[in-house]
Protein backbone atom coordinates (compact mmCIF):
# COMPACT_ATOMS: atom_id res chain seq x y z
CA MET A 1 0.04 0.22 0.65
CA LYS A 2 0.97 3.61 -0.76
CA ALA A 3 1.52 6.37 1.58
CA THR A 4 -1.31 7.77 -0.87
CA ASP A 5 -3.68 5.29 -0.27
CA THR A 6 -3.88 5.53 3.64
CA ASP A 7 -4.14 9.60 3.37
CA ARG A 8 -6.85 9.14 0.74
CA THR A 9 -8.25 7.10 3.36
CA GLY A 10 -8.05 9.71 6.28
CA GLN A 11 -9.53 11.97 4.24
CA THR A 12 -12.76 10.37 3.30
CA LYS A 13 -13.09 8.50 7.07
CA SER A 14 -13.06 12.21 7.63
CA ARG A 15 -15.48 13.13 5.24
CA ALA A 16 -18.41 10.35 5.93
CA ILE A 17 -18.53 11.07 9.32
CA PRO A 18 -19.58 14.83 9.74
CA VAL A 19 -22.26 14.17 6.88
CA LEU A 20 -23.36 11.14 8.51
CA ILE A 21 -23.81 13.22 12.06
CA LEU A 22 -25.50 16.04 10.00
CA ALA A 23 -27.94 13.66 8.42
CA VAL A 24 -29.55 12.19 10.90
CA LEU A 25 -29.80 15.45 13.28
CA LEU A 26 -31.57 16.66 10.23
CA LEU A 27 -33.76 13.78 10.51
CA VAL A 28 -34.41 14.03 13.91
CA ILE A 29 -35.41 17.76 13.95
CA TRP A 30 -37.50 16.72 11.58
CA ALA A 31 -38.87 13.57 13.55
CA TYR A 32 -39.25 16.00 16.10
CA VAL A 33 -41.51 19.20 14.95
CA THR A 34 -43.19 16.33 12.67
CA ILE A 35 -44.52 14.69 15.83
CA THR A 36 -44.73 17.80 18.21
CA THR A 37 -46.47 20.83 16.11
CA VAL A 38 -48.47 20.69 12.69
CA ALA A 39 -45.56 20.55 9.84
CA PRO A 40 -46.13 23.28 7.96
CA GLY A 41 -44.75 21.97 3.74
CA TRP A 42 -40.89 23.28 4.34
CA VAL A 43 -40.15 21.42 7.38
CA HIS A 44 -39.98 18.15 5.24
CA ILE A 45 -37.04 19.63 3.42
CA LEU A 46 -35.20 17.85 6.45
CA LEU A 47 -36.66 14.85 5.36
CA THR A 48 -35.51 15.44 1.77
CA ALA A 49 -32.15 17.12 3.21
CA GLY A 50 -31.56 14.12 6.02
CA VAL A 51 -32.56 11.59 3.07
CA PHE A 52 -29.93 12.61 0.68
CA LEU A 53 -26.63 13.49 3.30
CA LEU A 54 -27.56 9.48 4.85
CA ILE A 55 -27.33 8.73 1.22
CA TYR A 56 -24.15 10.33 0.58
CA GLY A 57 -22.49 9.96 3.27
CA VAL A 58 -23.14 5.92 3.30
CA ALA A 59 -22.02 6.34 -0.09
CA LEU A 60 -18.23 8.23 0.79
CA ARG A 61 -17.33 5.22 1.85
CA ASP A 62 -14.10 3.10 -0.06
CA PRO A 63 -15.68 -0.16 -0.68
CA SER A 64 -12.30 -1.17 -2.61
CA LEU A 65 -10.42 -1.30 1.12
CA PRO A 66 -11.15 -5.05 2.59
CA PRO A 67 -13.27 -4.71 5.65
CA ARG A 68 -11.85 -4.85 8.77
CA PRO A 69 -11.26 -8.29 10.70
CA ARG A 70 -14.32 -9.09 13.83
CA SER A 71 -12.21 -9.23 17.04
């Protein structure tokens, strides 16, 4: 493995984690507002953005890397 491969993997992980956290945060806010109020239509943009970011965050993972061995 080259040194550049290790750097690329670190960058992918560092970008994927904040995207996934933001996606979950948007989905939690959407769920709370939808359940506790009569949610106006614009609130559902949070659902769309949250699902989009969730899919994008999962897609950021590098499929060429082998899975970690289970301990």
